[in-house]
Amino acid sequence: MNRNGVILAGLIGHGIGGSLTPALHEAEGKAHGIDYRYHPVDTALSAIAAQSLSQRVTEAEGKGYAGLNITHPHKVEVCSLMDHISPQAKRVGAVNTIQFRNGERIGHNTDVTGFASAFRADMADVAKDRVLMLGAGGAGAAVAEALMMSGVRNLMIYDKAVPRAQDLAHRTALRYPQCKVTSSISLSDADFLVADGVVNATPIGMDGHPGIAVDPGLLDPGMWVADIVYFPLETLLLQHAKALGCRTMNGSGMAIHQAAEAFTLITGRQANAARMATCFDGLIKSRNSRPKALKE
């Protein structure tokens, strides 16, 4: 809390103009009766891009921020700027939430429990013996951990940056020796034929990162498809998957649960995840009701 009794927080990420996180956090702060102000810091903007990540974190700390959320593509890089890292964040090698406490920076990862909670709520009964995950960055590392916690026995990781996929597969396999964790240098029909489900843990499909994470021709009606992207709520990947008849999960559940945990860490107040879910739905409806020109 700064000298004026205001709790300050923010989000640092690239291309986050469409993020609902600031409004979601501030609405929960209002429900708690606190003066909570949450500011986006978009590194896609030229004035901000001129600063290093270290400078941006230091600036927020100097202004009396209680904490920060960190998103693509800074979750791995920011680890080196922490004084302490929680065991969960250390396991996955990525930080998405920072607490500023008593002159120290404490890094956490709420993406793990965020995805695990969403997956448990929406996909608890799906087959998950063999899962293919796309993306081995900071978000991918958290999702891989969440998938293993959720009972996946055989995880294959694909990333265009092959060494990154290999490294994540190796680190995950060390923590779960009873399971099979591998990486792939390319995707083929064979990979999809044996997969119970596919998870997109890349930013592809998000506003500012257009496209589709995988050739939809590789999808099979019998598999389930999950995406961590939530703006837009239904990515091209999920649209194609639904058209095929696949069971799907969008990124809203992960966004809500990770935000609730981050809010608690930053403010010290226990977030109400159900209330934040209702708020999230309202924000989505409000966005969708706006004229197209205003959305852009």
Protein backbone atom coordinates (compact mmCIF):
# COMPACT_ATOMS: atom_id res chain seq x y z
CA MET A 1 0.00 0.00 0.00
CA ASN A 2 1.46 3.36 -0.95
CA ARG A 3 1.54 6.48 1.19
CA ASN A 4 -1.97 7.50 0.06
CA GLY A 5 -3.54 4.22 1.13
CA VAL A 6 -3.87 3.00 -2.46
CA ILE A 7 -2.86 -0.53 -3.42
CA LEU A 8 -1.05 -0.38 -6.75
CA ALA A 9 -0.46 -3.31 -9.10
CA GLY A 10 0.09 -3.90 -12.78
CA LEU A 11 0.52 -6.26 -15.69
CA ILE A 12 3.64 -6.35 -17.86
CA GLY A 13 3.35 -8.11 -21.21
CA HIS A 14 3.58 -7.75 -24.97
CA GLY A 15 0.38 -6.95 -26.87
CA ILE A 16 -1.90 -6.87 -23.83
CA GLY A 17 -4.23 -4.12 -25.04
CA GLY A 18 -7.16 -6.54 -25.03
CA SER A 19 -6.45 -8.02 -21.60
CA LEU A 20 -9.36 -8.18 -19.16
CA THR A 21 -7.01 -8.66 -16.20
CA PRO A 22 -6.89 -4.99 -15.09
CA ALA A 23 -10.69 -4.67 -14.99
CA LEU A 24 -11.03 -8.08 -13.32
CA HIS A 25 -8.57 -7.17 -10.56
CA GLU A 26 -10.02 -3.72 -9.96
CA ALA A 27 -13.57 -5.08 -9.75
CA GLU A 28 -12.49 -7.59 -7.09
CA GLY A 29 -10.73 -4.78 -5.23
CA LYS A 30 -13.94 -2.75 -5.27
CA ALA A 31 -15.87 -5.74 -3.90
CA HIS A 32 -13.41 -5.78 -0.97
CA GLY A 33 -13.87 -2.06 -0.40
CA ILE A 34 -10.23 -1.21 -1.10
CA ASP A 35 -8.70 1.45 -3.35
CA TYR A 36 -6.93 -0.90 -5.74
CA ARG A 37 -5.51 0.37 -9.01
CA TYR A 38 -4.15 -2.03 -11.58
CA HIS A 39 -2.21 -0.68 -14.56
CA PRO A 40 -1.29 -2.44 -17.84
CA VAL A 41 2.26 -1.99 -19.13
CA ASP A 42 2.26 -3.05 -22.78
CA THR A 43 5.78 -3.72 -24.03
CA ALA A 44 4.49 -3.59 -27.61
CA LEU A 45 4.26 0.20 -27.26
CA SER A 46 7.40 1.96 -28.47
CA ALA A 47 7.78 4.20 -25.40
CA ILE A 48 7.69 1.19 -23.09
CA ALA A 49 9.69 -1.12 -25.36
CA ALA A 50 12.66 1.22 -24.97
CA GLN A 51 12.98 0.12 -21.32
CA SER A 52 14.38 -3.22 -20.20
CA LEU A 53 12.25 -5.60 -18.16
CA SER A 54 14.50 -4.90 -15.18
CA GLN A 55 13.84 -1.17 -15.51
CA ARG A 56 10.08 -1.72 -15.67
CA VAL A 57 10.04 -3.92 -12.57
CA THR A 58 12.30 -1.51 -10.69
CA GLU A 59 10.11 1.44 -11.66
CA ALA A 60 6.98 -0.28 -10.33
CA GLU A 61 8.75 -1.19 -7.10
CA GLY A 62 9.96 2.40 -6.71
CA LYS A 63 6.42 3.72 -7.14
CA GLY A 64 5.24 1.62 -4.21
CA TYR A 65 3.46 -1.12 -6.14
CA ALA A 66 2.31 -4.07 -4.04
CA GLY A 67 2.90 -6.46 -6.90
CA LEU A 68 2.89 -7.22 -10.60
CA ASN A 69 1.59 -9.83 -12.95
CA ILE A 70 3.94 -10.90 -15.74
CA THR A 71 2.79 -12.41 -19.00
CA HIS A 72 4.13 -13.36 -22.44
CA PRO A 73 7.02 -13.25 -23.22
CA HIS A 74 8.64 -12.26 -19.92
CA LYS A 75 7.79 -15.08 -17.48
CA VAL A 76 11.13 -16.84 -17.74
CA GLU A 77 13.33 -13.75 -18.00
CA VAL A 78 11.80 -12.17 -14.90
CA CYS A 79 12.98 -15.04 -12.69
CA SER A 80 16.49 -13.60 -12.60
CA LEU A 81 15.13 -10.36 -11.12
CA MET A 82 13.63 -12.01 -8.02
CA ASP A 83 15.09 -12.17 -4.51
CA HIS A 84 13.03 -15.26 -3.69
CA ILE A 85 11.01 -17.66 -5.85
CA SER A 86 8.21 -19.89 -4.57
CA PRO A 87 8.74 -23.67 -4.83
CA GLN A 88 6.07 -23.95 -7.54
CA ALA A 89 7.57 -21.17 -9.66
CA LYS A 90 11.02 -22.66 -9.16
CA ARG A 91 9.81 -26.08 -10.37
CA VAL A 92 8.50 -24.68 -13.64
CA GLY A 93 11.18 -22.02 -14.10
CA ALA A 94 8.68 -19.22 -14.70
CA VAL A 95 7.15 -16.39 -12.67
CA ASN A 96 3.84 -14.71 -13.48
CA THR A 97 3.18 -12.92 -10.18
CA ILE A 98 5.52 -10.73 -8.15
CA GLN A 99 5.01 -9.59 -4.57
CA PHE A 100 6.97 -6.57 -3.36
CA ARG A 101 7.40 -7.17 0.37
CA ASN A 102 9.77 -5.48 2.83
CA GLY A 103 12.21 -4.44 0.14
CA GLU A 104 12.25 -7.86 -1.53
CA ARG A 105 10.78 -9.33 -4.69
CA ILE A 106 9.04 -12.67 -4.33
CA GLY A 107 8.14 -14.55 -7.50
CA HIS A 108 5.16 -16.91 -7.77
CA ASN A 109 3.46 -18.89 -10.51
CA THR A 110 -0.33 -18.90 -10.36
CA ASP A 111 -0.64 -20.29 -13.91
CA VAL A 112 -0.09 -23.82 -12.60
CA THR A 113 -3.02 -23.83 -10.20
CA GLY A 114 -4.99 -21.67 -12.63
CA PHE A 115 -4.86 -24.26 -15.41
CA ALA A 116 -5.17 -27.20 -13.02
CA SER A 117 -8.33 -25.72 -11.43
CA ALA A 118 -9.90 -25.00 -14.82
CA PHE A 119 -9.01 -28.44 -16.16
CA ARG A 120 -10.41 -30.12 -13.07
CA ALA A 121 -13.68 -28.19 -13.39
CA ASP A 122 -14.21 -28.60 -17.15
CA MET A 123 -12.33 -31.75 -18.21
CA ALA A 124 -12.18 -33.99 -15.17
CA ASP A 125 -13.71 -36.97 -16.99
CA VAL A 126 -11.72 -36.84 -20.25
CA ALA A 127 -9.14 -39.43 -21.25
CA LYS A 128 -5.70 -38.05 -20.45
CA ASP A 129 -3.26 -40.91 -20.83
CA ARG A 130 -1.58 -39.28 -23.86
CA VAL A 131 -1.58 -35.51 -24.29
CA LEU A 132 0.14 -33.30 -26.87
CA MET A 133 1.08 -29.79 -25.69
CA LEU A 134 2.03 -26.97 -28.03
CA GLY A 135 4.40 -24.40 -26.56
CA ALA A 136 7.32 -24.69 -24.14
CA GLY A 137 7.64 -21.11 -22.94
CA GLY A 138 6.70 -19.77 -19.51
CA ALA A 139 3.03 -20.63 -19.91
CA GLY A 140 3.86 -24.04 -21.37
CA ALA A 141 6.07 -24.88 -18.40
CA ALA A 142 3.20 -24.10 -16.03
CA VAL A 143 0.65 -26.03 -18.09
CA ALA A 144 2.96 -29.04 -18.32
CA GLU A 145 3.18 -29.11 -14.53
CA ALA A 146 -0.59 -28.74 -14.21
CA LEU A 147 -1.21 -31.57 -16.69
CA MET A 148 1.10 -33.92 -14.81
CA MET A 149 -0.61 -32.96 -11.53
CA SER A 150 -3.93 -33.78 -13.24
CA GLY A 151 -2.93 -37.35 -14.02
CA VAL A 152 -1.47 -37.24 -17.53
CA ARG A 153 0.76 -40.28 -18.00
CA ASN A 154 2.33 -39.54 -21.38
CA LEU A 155 3.06 -35.93 -22.37
CA MET A 156 4.60 -34.89 -25.68
CA ILE A 157 5.78 -31.29 -25.98
CA TYR A 158 6.20 -29.43 -29.24
CA ASP A 159 7.70 -25.98 -29.74
CA LYS A 160 9.17 -24.35 -32.83
CA ALA A 161 12.20 -23.66 -30.65
CA VAL A 162 13.24 -27.31 -30.45
CA PRO A 163 15.86 -26.93 -27.67
CA ARG A 164 13.28 -25.22 -25.48
CA ALA A 165 10.87 -28.13 -25.90
CA GLN A 166 13.66 -30.61 -25.18
CA ASP A 167 14.67 -28.74 -22.04
CA LEU A 168 11.11 -28.56 -20.70
CA ALA A 169 10.53 -32.25 -21.43
CA HIS A 170 13.76 -33.16 -19.61
CA ARG A 171 12.96 -31.04 -16.55
CA THR A 172 9.37 -32.32 -16.36
CA ALA A 173 10.47 -35.95 -16.73
CA LEU A 174 12.87 -35.56 -13.80
CA ARG A 175 9.98 -34.49 -11.56
CA TYR A 176 7.66 -37.25 -12.81
CA PRO A 177 9.88 -40.31 -13.43
CA GLN A 178 6.86 -42.60 -13.37
CA CYS A 179 5.50 -40.88 -16.49
CA LYS A 180 6.74 -40.52 -20.05
CA VAL A 181 7.57 -36.96 -21.11
CA THR A 182 9.07 -36.37 -24.55
CA SER A 183 9.59 -33.60 -27.07
CA SER A 184 8.97 -33.60 -30.80
CA ILE A 185 10.85 -31.70 -33.51
CA SER A 186 7.81 -31.75 -35.83
CA LEU A 187 4.14 -32.62 -35.76
CA SER A 188 2.69 -35.47 -37.78
CA ASP A 189 -0.56 -37.35 -38.23
CA ALA A 190 0.86 -40.11 -36.05
CA ASP A 191 1.28 -37.74 -33.10
CA PHE A 192 -2.37 -36.75 -33.25
CA LEU A 193 -3.69 -40.26 -33.86
CA VAL A 194 -2.42 -41.43 -30.46
CA ALA A 195 -3.29 -38.25 -28.53
CA ASP A 196 -6.31 -38.15 -26.23
CA GLY A 197 -6.10 -34.38 -26.14
CA VAL A 198 -4.22 -31.31 -27.35
CA VAL A 199 -3.39 -28.17 -25.40
CA ASN A 200 -2.33 -24.90 -26.99
CA ALA A 201 0.00 -23.20 -24.51
CA THR A 202 1.28 -20.65 -27.02
CA PRO A 203 -0.05 -17.11 -27.58
CA ILE A 204 -1.00 -17.99 -31.18
CA GLY A 205 -4.64 -17.12 -31.74
CA MET A 206 -4.63 -14.28 -29.23
CA ASP A 207 -5.38 -10.70 -30.25
CA GLY A 208 -2.04 -9.39 -31.48
CA HIS A 209 -0.85 -12.93 -32.30
CA PRO A 210 -3.19 -14.00 -35.13
CA GLY A 211 -3.24 -17.44 -36.64
CA ILE A 212 -3.84 -21.00 -35.55
CA ALA A 213 -1.49 -23.03 -33.39
CA VAL A 214 -1.71 -26.21 -35.44
CA ASP A 215 -3.00 -27.40 -38.81
CA PRO A 216 -6.70 -28.15 -38.11
CA GLY A 217 -6.47 -31.02 -40.56
CA LEU A 218 -4.49 -32.91 -37.91
CA LEU A 219 -7.33 -32.79 -35.39
CA ASP A 220 -9.57 -35.81 -34.81
CA PRO A 221 -13.22 -35.69 -33.63
CA GLY A 222 -12.43 -38.10 -30.81
CA MET A 223 -9.89 -35.86 -29.07
CA TRP A 224 -10.38 -32.95 -26.73
CA VAL A 225 -8.75 -29.57 -27.36
CA ALA A 226 -7.85 -26.94 -24.77
CA ASP A 227 -6.50 -23.42 -25.34
CA ILE A 228 -5.01 -21.08 -22.73
CA VAL A 229 -5.89 -18.00 -24.81
CA TYR A 230 -8.98 -16.10 -23.63
CA PHE A 231 -9.06 -13.04 -25.88
CA PRO A 232 -10.69 -13.94 -28.11
CA LEU A 233 -12.56 -16.48 -26.04
CA GLU A 234 -12.92 -18.82 -29.01
CA THR A 235 -9.71 -18.99 -31.01
CA LEU A 236 -9.50 -20.31 -34.57
CA LEU A 237 -8.16 -23.54 -33.09
CA LEU A 238 -11.23 -23.99 -30.90
CA GLN A 239 -13.57 -23.00 -33.73
CA HIS A 240 -12.16 -25.74 -35.95
CA ALA A 241 -12.15 -28.24 -33.09
CA LYS A 242 -15.80 -27.54 -32.27
CA ALA A 243 -16.77 -27.86 -35.93
CA LEU A 244 -15.20 -31.33 -35.93
CA GLY A 245 -17.11 -32.31 -32.80
CA CYS A 246 -14.18 -32.19 -30.38
CA ARG A 247 -14.77 -31.37 -26.74
CA THR A 248 -13.11 -28.01 -26.03
CA MET A 249 -11.95 -25.81 -23.17
CA ASN A 250 -11.13 -22.14 -23.64
CA GLY A 251 -8.72 -20.06 -21.57
CA SER A 252 -11.30 -18.31 -19.39
CA GLY A 253 -11.07 -20.74 -16.45
CA MET A 254 -7.30 -20.50 -16.28
CA ALA A 255 -7.47 -16.70 -16.53
CA ILE A 256 -9.99 -16.46 -13.69
CA HIS A 257 -8.31 -18.89 -11.29
CA GLN A 258 -4.79 -17.54 -11.82
CA ALA A 259 -6.10 -13.98 -11.38
CA ALA A 260 -7.86 -14.90 -8.14
CA GLU A 261 -4.69 -16.37 -6.67
CA ALA A 262 -2.62 -13.42 -7.89
CA PHE A 263 -5.09 -10.95 -6.35
CA THR A 264 -4.76 -12.72 -2.99
CA LEU A 265 -0.97 -12.66 -3.17
CA ILE A 266 -0.77 -9.00 -4.15
CA THR A 267 -3.43 -7.53 -1.86
CA GLY A 268 -3.41 -9.95 1.07
CA ARG A 269 -7.20 -10.25 0.67
CA GLN A 270 -8.80 -13.60 -0.14
CA ALA A 271 -10.23 -13.39 -3.65
CA ASN A 272 -13.66 -14.82 -4.42
CA ALA A 273 -13.10 -16.89 -7.57
CA ALA A 274 -16.83 -17.35 -8.21
CA ARG A 275 -17.40 -13.61 -8.06
CA MET A 276 -14.45 -13.03 -10.38
CA ALA A 277 -15.90 -15.58 -12.83
CA THR A 278 -19.20 -13.65 -12.89
CA CYS A 279 -17.28 -10.43 -13.45
CA PHE A 280 -15.25 -12.05 -16.24
CA ASP A 281 -18.43 -13.18 -18.01
CA GLY A 282 -19.82 -9.65 -17.76
CA LEU A 283 -16.64 -8.17 -19.22
CA ILE A 284 -16.77 -10.63 -22.12
CA LYS A 285 -20.41 -9.79 -22.85
CA SER A 286 -19.66 -6.07 -22.68
CA ARG A 287 -16.77 -6.45 -25.11
CA ASN A 288 -18.80 -8.54 -27.52
CA SER A 289 -21.65 -6.03 -27.52
CA ARG A 290 -19.43 -3.14 -28.62
CA PRO A 291 -19.38 -2.08 -32.28
CA LYS A 292 -16.58 -3.74 -34.24
CA ALA A 293 -14.76 -0.46 -34.82
CA LEU A 294 -14.59 0.18 -31.08
CA LYS A 295 -13.28 -3.33 -30.37
CA GLU A 296 -10.38 -2.69 -32.70
